[in-house]
N, C-alpha and C. Protein backbone atom coordinates (compact mmCIF):
# COMPACT_ATOMS: atom_id res chain seq x y z
N MET A 1 40.43 122.64 50.37
CA MET A 1 40.88 122.71 49.00
C MET A 1 40.39 121.46 48.27
N ASN A 2 39.88 121.65 47.08
CA ASN A 2 39.36 120.55 46.27
C ASN A 2 40.52 119.84 45.58
N PRO A 3 40.73 118.54 45.85
CA PRO A 3 41.87 117.83 45.24
C PRO A 3 41.73 117.66 43.74
N ASN A 4 40.51 117.81 43.20
CA ASN A 4 40.31 117.62 41.77
C ASN A 4 40.94 118.74 40.94
N VAL A 5 41.20 119.89 41.54
CA VAL A 5 41.79 120.99 40.79
C VAL A 5 43.30 121.01 40.92
N LEU A 6 43.85 120.12 41.69
CA LEU A 6 45.29 120.08 41.90
C LEU A 6 45.99 119.27 40.82
N GLY A 7 47.27 119.54 40.62
CA GLY A 7 48.05 118.71 39.72
C GLY A 7 48.20 117.31 40.28
N GLY A 8 48.65 116.37 39.45
CA GLY A 8 48.77 114.98 39.87
C GLY A 8 49.54 114.77 41.15
N GLY A 9 50.72 115.39 41.27
CA GLY A 9 51.53 115.21 42.47
C GLY A 9 50.88 115.77 43.71
N LEU A 10 50.27 116.94 43.59
CA LEU A 10 49.59 117.54 44.75
C LEU A 10 48.35 116.74 45.13
N LYS A 11 47.67 116.20 44.12
CA LYS A 11 46.49 115.37 44.40
C LYS A 11 46.90 114.16 45.22
N ARG A 12 48.00 113.51 44.84
CA ARG A 12 48.47 112.33 45.58
C ARG A 12 48.90 112.70 46.99
N LEU A 13 49.51 113.86 47.14
CA LEU A 13 49.92 114.34 48.46
C LEU A 13 48.69 114.57 49.33
N TYR A 14 47.65 115.16 48.75
CA TYR A 14 46.39 115.37 49.46
C TYR A 14 45.80 114.03 49.89
N GLN A 15 45.78 113.05 48.96
CA GLN A 15 45.24 111.73 49.28
C GLN A 15 46.04 111.07 50.39
N ALA A 16 47.36 111.15 50.31
CA ALA A 16 48.21 110.56 51.34
C ALA A 16 47.97 111.22 52.69
N ASP A 17 47.80 112.53 52.70
CA ASP A 17 47.52 113.26 53.94
C ASP A 17 46.23 112.76 54.57
N ARG A 18 45.20 112.55 53.77
CA ARG A 18 43.92 112.03 54.28
C ARG A 18 44.08 110.62 54.83
N LEU A 19 44.88 109.79 54.15
CA LEU A 19 45.10 108.43 54.65
C LEU A 19 45.73 108.46 56.03
N ILE A 20 46.63 109.39 56.25
CA ILE A 20 47.31 109.50 57.54
C ILE A 20 46.39 110.11 58.60
N LYS A 21 45.73 111.21 58.27
CA LYS A 21 44.92 111.93 59.26
C LYS A 21 43.58 111.29 59.56
N ILE A 22 42.96 110.67 58.57
CA ILE A 22 41.60 110.15 58.74
C ILE A 22 41.54 108.63 58.77
N TYR A 23 42.36 107.98 57.94
CA TYR A 23 42.26 106.53 57.77
C TYR A 23 43.20 105.74 58.66
N GLY A 24 44.04 106.41 59.42
CA GLY A 24 44.89 105.72 60.37
C GLY A 24 46.17 105.11 59.82
N PHE A 25 46.53 105.45 58.59
CA PHE A 25 47.79 104.96 58.03
C PHE A 25 48.94 105.70 58.69
N LYS A 26 50.08 105.05 58.76
CA LYS A 26 51.32 105.67 59.23
C LYS A 26 52.13 106.05 57.98
N PRO A 27 52.89 107.14 58.02
CA PRO A 27 53.66 107.54 56.83
C PRO A 27 54.53 106.43 56.25
N HIS A 28 55.14 105.61 57.10
CA HIS A 28 56.01 104.54 56.59
C HIS A 28 55.23 103.42 55.90
N GLU A 29 53.90 103.39 56.07
CA GLU A 29 53.09 102.35 55.43
C GLU A 29 52.76 102.69 53.98
N LEU A 30 52.86 103.95 53.61
CA LEU A 30 52.56 104.34 52.24
C LEU A 30 53.63 103.80 51.31
N VAL A 31 53.28 103.64 50.04
CA VAL A 31 54.21 103.13 49.05
C VAL A 31 54.87 104.32 48.35
N TYR A 32 56.19 104.30 48.32
CA TYR A 32 56.97 105.36 47.68
C TYR A 32 57.78 104.77 46.53
N ASP A 33 58.14 105.63 45.57
CA ASP A 33 58.99 105.16 44.49
C ASP A 33 60.45 105.15 44.96
N GLU A 34 61.36 104.78 44.06
CA GLU A 34 62.77 104.65 44.43
C GLU A 34 63.41 105.97 44.85
N ASP A 35 62.78 107.09 44.49
CA ASP A 35 63.29 108.41 44.89
C ASP A 35 62.65 108.92 46.17
N GLY A 36 61.77 108.11 46.76
CA GLY A 36 61.11 108.52 47.99
C GLY A 36 59.88 109.38 47.79
N ASN A 37 59.38 109.42 46.55
CA ASN A 37 58.19 110.21 46.24
C ASN A 37 56.97 109.30 46.12
N LEU A 38 55.79 109.91 46.21
CA LEU A 38 54.56 109.16 46.00
C LEU A 38 54.38 108.91 44.51
N PRO A 39 54.14 107.67 44.10
CA PRO A 39 53.86 107.40 42.69
C PRO A 39 52.56 108.08 42.26
N ASP A 40 52.37 108.25 40.97
CA ASP A 40 51.15 108.89 40.47
C ASP A 40 50.03 107.86 40.35
N GLU A 41 49.70 107.25 41.48
CA GLU A 41 48.60 106.30 41.58
C GLU A 41 47.91 106.55 42.91
N ASP A 42 46.67 106.13 43.01
CA ASP A 42 45.94 106.29 44.27
C ASP A 42 46.71 105.56 45.37
N PRO A 43 47.12 106.28 46.42
CA PRO A 43 47.96 105.64 47.45
C PRO A 43 47.26 104.52 48.22
N LYS A 44 45.95 104.58 48.37
CA LYS A 44 45.24 103.51 49.08
C LYS A 44 45.18 102.25 48.22
N GLU A 45 44.89 102.42 46.93
CA GLU A 45 44.86 101.27 46.03
C GLU A 45 46.25 100.67 45.87
N LEU A 46 47.25 101.51 45.82
CA LEU A 46 48.63 101.04 45.72
C LEU A 46 49.02 100.24 46.96
N TRP A 47 48.65 100.74 48.14
CA TRP A 47 48.93 100.01 49.38
C TRP A 47 48.27 98.63 49.33
N ALA A 48 47.02 98.58 48.86
CA ALA A 48 46.30 97.31 48.79
C ALA A 48 47.01 96.32 47.86
N ARG A 49 47.48 96.80 46.72
CA ARG A 49 48.20 95.92 45.79
C ARG A 49 49.49 95.39 46.39
N PHE A 50 50.15 96.18 47.21
CA PHE A 50 51.41 95.76 47.83
C PHE A 50 51.20 94.92 49.09
N HIS A 51 49.96 94.76 49.52
CA HIS A 51 49.66 93.98 50.73
C HIS A 51 48.55 92.96 50.47
N PRO A 52 48.78 92.01 49.57
CA PRO A 52 47.75 91.01 49.29
C PRO A 52 47.44 90.13 50.49
N GLU A 53 48.37 90.05 51.45
CA GLU A 53 48.14 89.23 52.65
C GLU A 53 47.00 89.79 53.50
N PHE A 54 46.65 91.04 53.30
CA PHE A 54 45.60 91.70 54.07
C PHE A 54 44.21 91.31 53.59
N PHE A 55 44.11 90.78 52.38
CA PHE A 55 42.82 90.51 51.74
C PHE A 55 42.62 89.02 51.53
N PRO A 56 41.40 88.54 51.44
CA PRO A 56 40.15 89.30 51.54
C PRO A 56 39.85 89.69 52.99
N VAL A 57 39.00 90.68 53.13
CA VAL A 57 38.54 91.14 54.44
C VAL A 57 37.09 90.72 54.60
N ASP A 58 36.80 90.04 55.69
CA ASP A 58 35.42 89.66 56.00
C ASP A 58 34.75 90.85 56.69
N ILE A 59 33.88 91.55 55.96
CA ILE A 59 33.29 92.77 56.51
C ILE A 59 32.36 92.48 57.68
N ARG A 60 31.95 91.24 57.84
CA ARG A 60 31.08 90.90 58.99
C ARG A 60 31.88 90.83 60.28
N LYS A 61 33.21 90.66 60.18
CA LYS A 61 34.04 90.52 61.38
C LYS A 61 35.06 91.65 61.54
N ALA A 62 35.25 92.44 60.51
CA ALA A 62 36.30 93.47 60.53
C ALA A 62 35.92 94.64 61.44
N ASP A 63 36.94 95.25 62.02
CA ASP A 63 36.70 96.46 62.80
C ASP A 63 36.78 97.68 61.87
N TYR A 64 36.49 98.84 62.43
CA TYR A 64 36.45 100.09 61.68
C TYR A 64 37.77 100.35 60.94
N TRP A 65 38.88 100.23 61.65
CA TRP A 65 40.18 100.56 61.07
C TRP A 65 40.59 99.58 59.98
N THR A 66 40.17 98.33 60.09
CA THR A 66 40.44 97.35 59.04
C THR A 66 39.62 97.68 57.81
N LEU A 67 38.36 98.02 58.00
CA LEU A 67 37.50 98.39 56.87
C LEU A 67 38.07 99.58 56.10
N LEU A 68 38.64 100.53 56.82
CA LEU A 68 39.18 101.72 56.16
C LEU A 68 40.36 101.41 55.24
N ARG A 69 40.96 100.26 55.39
CA ARG A 69 42.09 99.87 54.53
C ARG A 69 41.62 99.33 53.19
N VAL A 70 40.35 99.02 53.07
CA VAL A 70 39.80 98.43 51.85
C VAL A 70 39.49 99.54 50.85
N PRO A 71 40.08 99.48 49.64
CA PRO A 71 39.74 100.48 48.63
C PRO A 71 38.23 100.51 48.38
N GLY A 72 37.69 101.71 48.31
CA GLY A 72 36.25 101.87 48.09
C GLY A 72 35.46 102.03 49.37
N ILE A 73 36.09 101.79 50.51
CA ILE A 73 35.41 101.96 51.80
C ILE A 73 36.05 103.14 52.52
N GLY A 74 35.23 104.14 52.76
CA GLY A 74 35.67 105.32 53.50
C GLY A 74 35.03 105.33 54.87
N PRO A 75 35.20 106.41 55.61
CA PRO A 75 34.66 106.48 56.97
C PRO A 75 33.14 106.28 57.04
N GLU A 76 32.41 106.88 56.13
CA GLU A 76 30.94 106.77 56.18
C GLU A 76 30.49 105.34 55.87
N ARG A 77 31.05 104.74 54.83
CA ARG A 77 30.66 103.37 54.49
C ARG A 77 31.08 102.40 55.58
N ALA A 78 32.25 102.59 56.18
CA ALA A 78 32.70 101.72 57.28
C ALA A 78 31.71 101.81 58.44
N ARG A 79 31.26 103.01 58.74
CA ARG A 79 30.29 103.19 59.82
C ARG A 79 28.98 102.46 59.49
N LEU A 80 28.50 102.61 58.26
CA LEU A 80 27.26 101.94 57.86
C LEU A 80 27.40 100.42 57.93
N ILE A 81 28.54 99.90 57.51
CA ILE A 81 28.77 98.45 57.58
C ILE A 81 28.70 97.98 59.03
N LEU A 82 29.39 98.68 59.91
CA LEU A 82 29.42 98.28 61.32
C LEU A 82 28.06 98.42 61.99
N GLU A 83 27.25 99.35 61.53
CA GLU A 83 25.90 99.52 62.08
C GLU A 83 24.90 98.58 61.43
N GLY A 84 25.36 97.77 60.46
CA GLY A 84 24.47 96.82 59.81
C GLY A 84 23.52 97.45 58.82
N LYS A 85 23.86 98.64 58.32
CA LYS A 85 22.98 99.35 57.40
C LYS A 85 23.45 99.29 55.96
N TRP A 86 24.53 98.55 55.69
CA TRP A 86 25.05 98.46 54.33
C TRP A 86 25.58 97.06 54.11
N LYS A 87 25.41 96.58 52.89
CA LYS A 87 26.00 95.29 52.52
C LYS A 87 26.59 95.41 51.12
N PRO A 88 27.47 94.50 50.73
CA PRO A 88 28.08 94.58 49.40
C PRO A 88 27.03 94.73 48.32
N GLY A 89 27.33 95.53 47.33
CA GLY A 89 26.38 95.84 46.28
C GLY A 89 25.75 97.20 46.50
N GLY A 90 26.05 97.81 47.65
CA GLY A 90 25.57 99.14 47.93
C GLY A 90 24.16 99.23 48.47
N GLU A 91 23.52 98.09 48.67
CA GLU A 91 22.16 98.12 49.18
C GLU A 91 22.17 98.40 50.68
N ARG A 92 21.29 99.23 51.10
CA ARG A 92 21.20 99.52 52.53
C ARG A 92 20.21 98.55 53.15
N TRP A 93 20.54 98.04 54.33
CA TRP A 93 19.63 97.14 55.03
C TRP A 93 18.50 97.90 55.69
N LYS A 94 18.80 99.06 56.21
CA LYS A 94 17.80 99.86 56.92
C LYS A 94 17.96 101.30 56.50
N SER A 95 16.91 102.04 56.59
CA SER A 95 17.06 103.46 56.31
C SER A 95 17.70 104.12 57.52
N TRP A 96 18.37 105.18 57.33
CA TRP A 96 19.03 105.89 58.41
C TRP A 96 18.66 107.31 58.30
């Protein structure tokens, strides 16, 4: 299902589901509002704002699961970083 066609609440639920299933987040790590619902904000970016102690991340030393916590880094980009094929600015070091 394409999350872009979903309403705001369902889109956030879809994003939270991906964070749990693919990015290694635990349900208790997500940020909820006072009613126990997901706020209408990107859950990964919201987690990052609530955890400033986690940043900055040195991508030269970080493992895969740490990289996945960084907003803007997904599974593919994390893999490219670890393989030495990507650096900040989006430039690839080597073709793949």
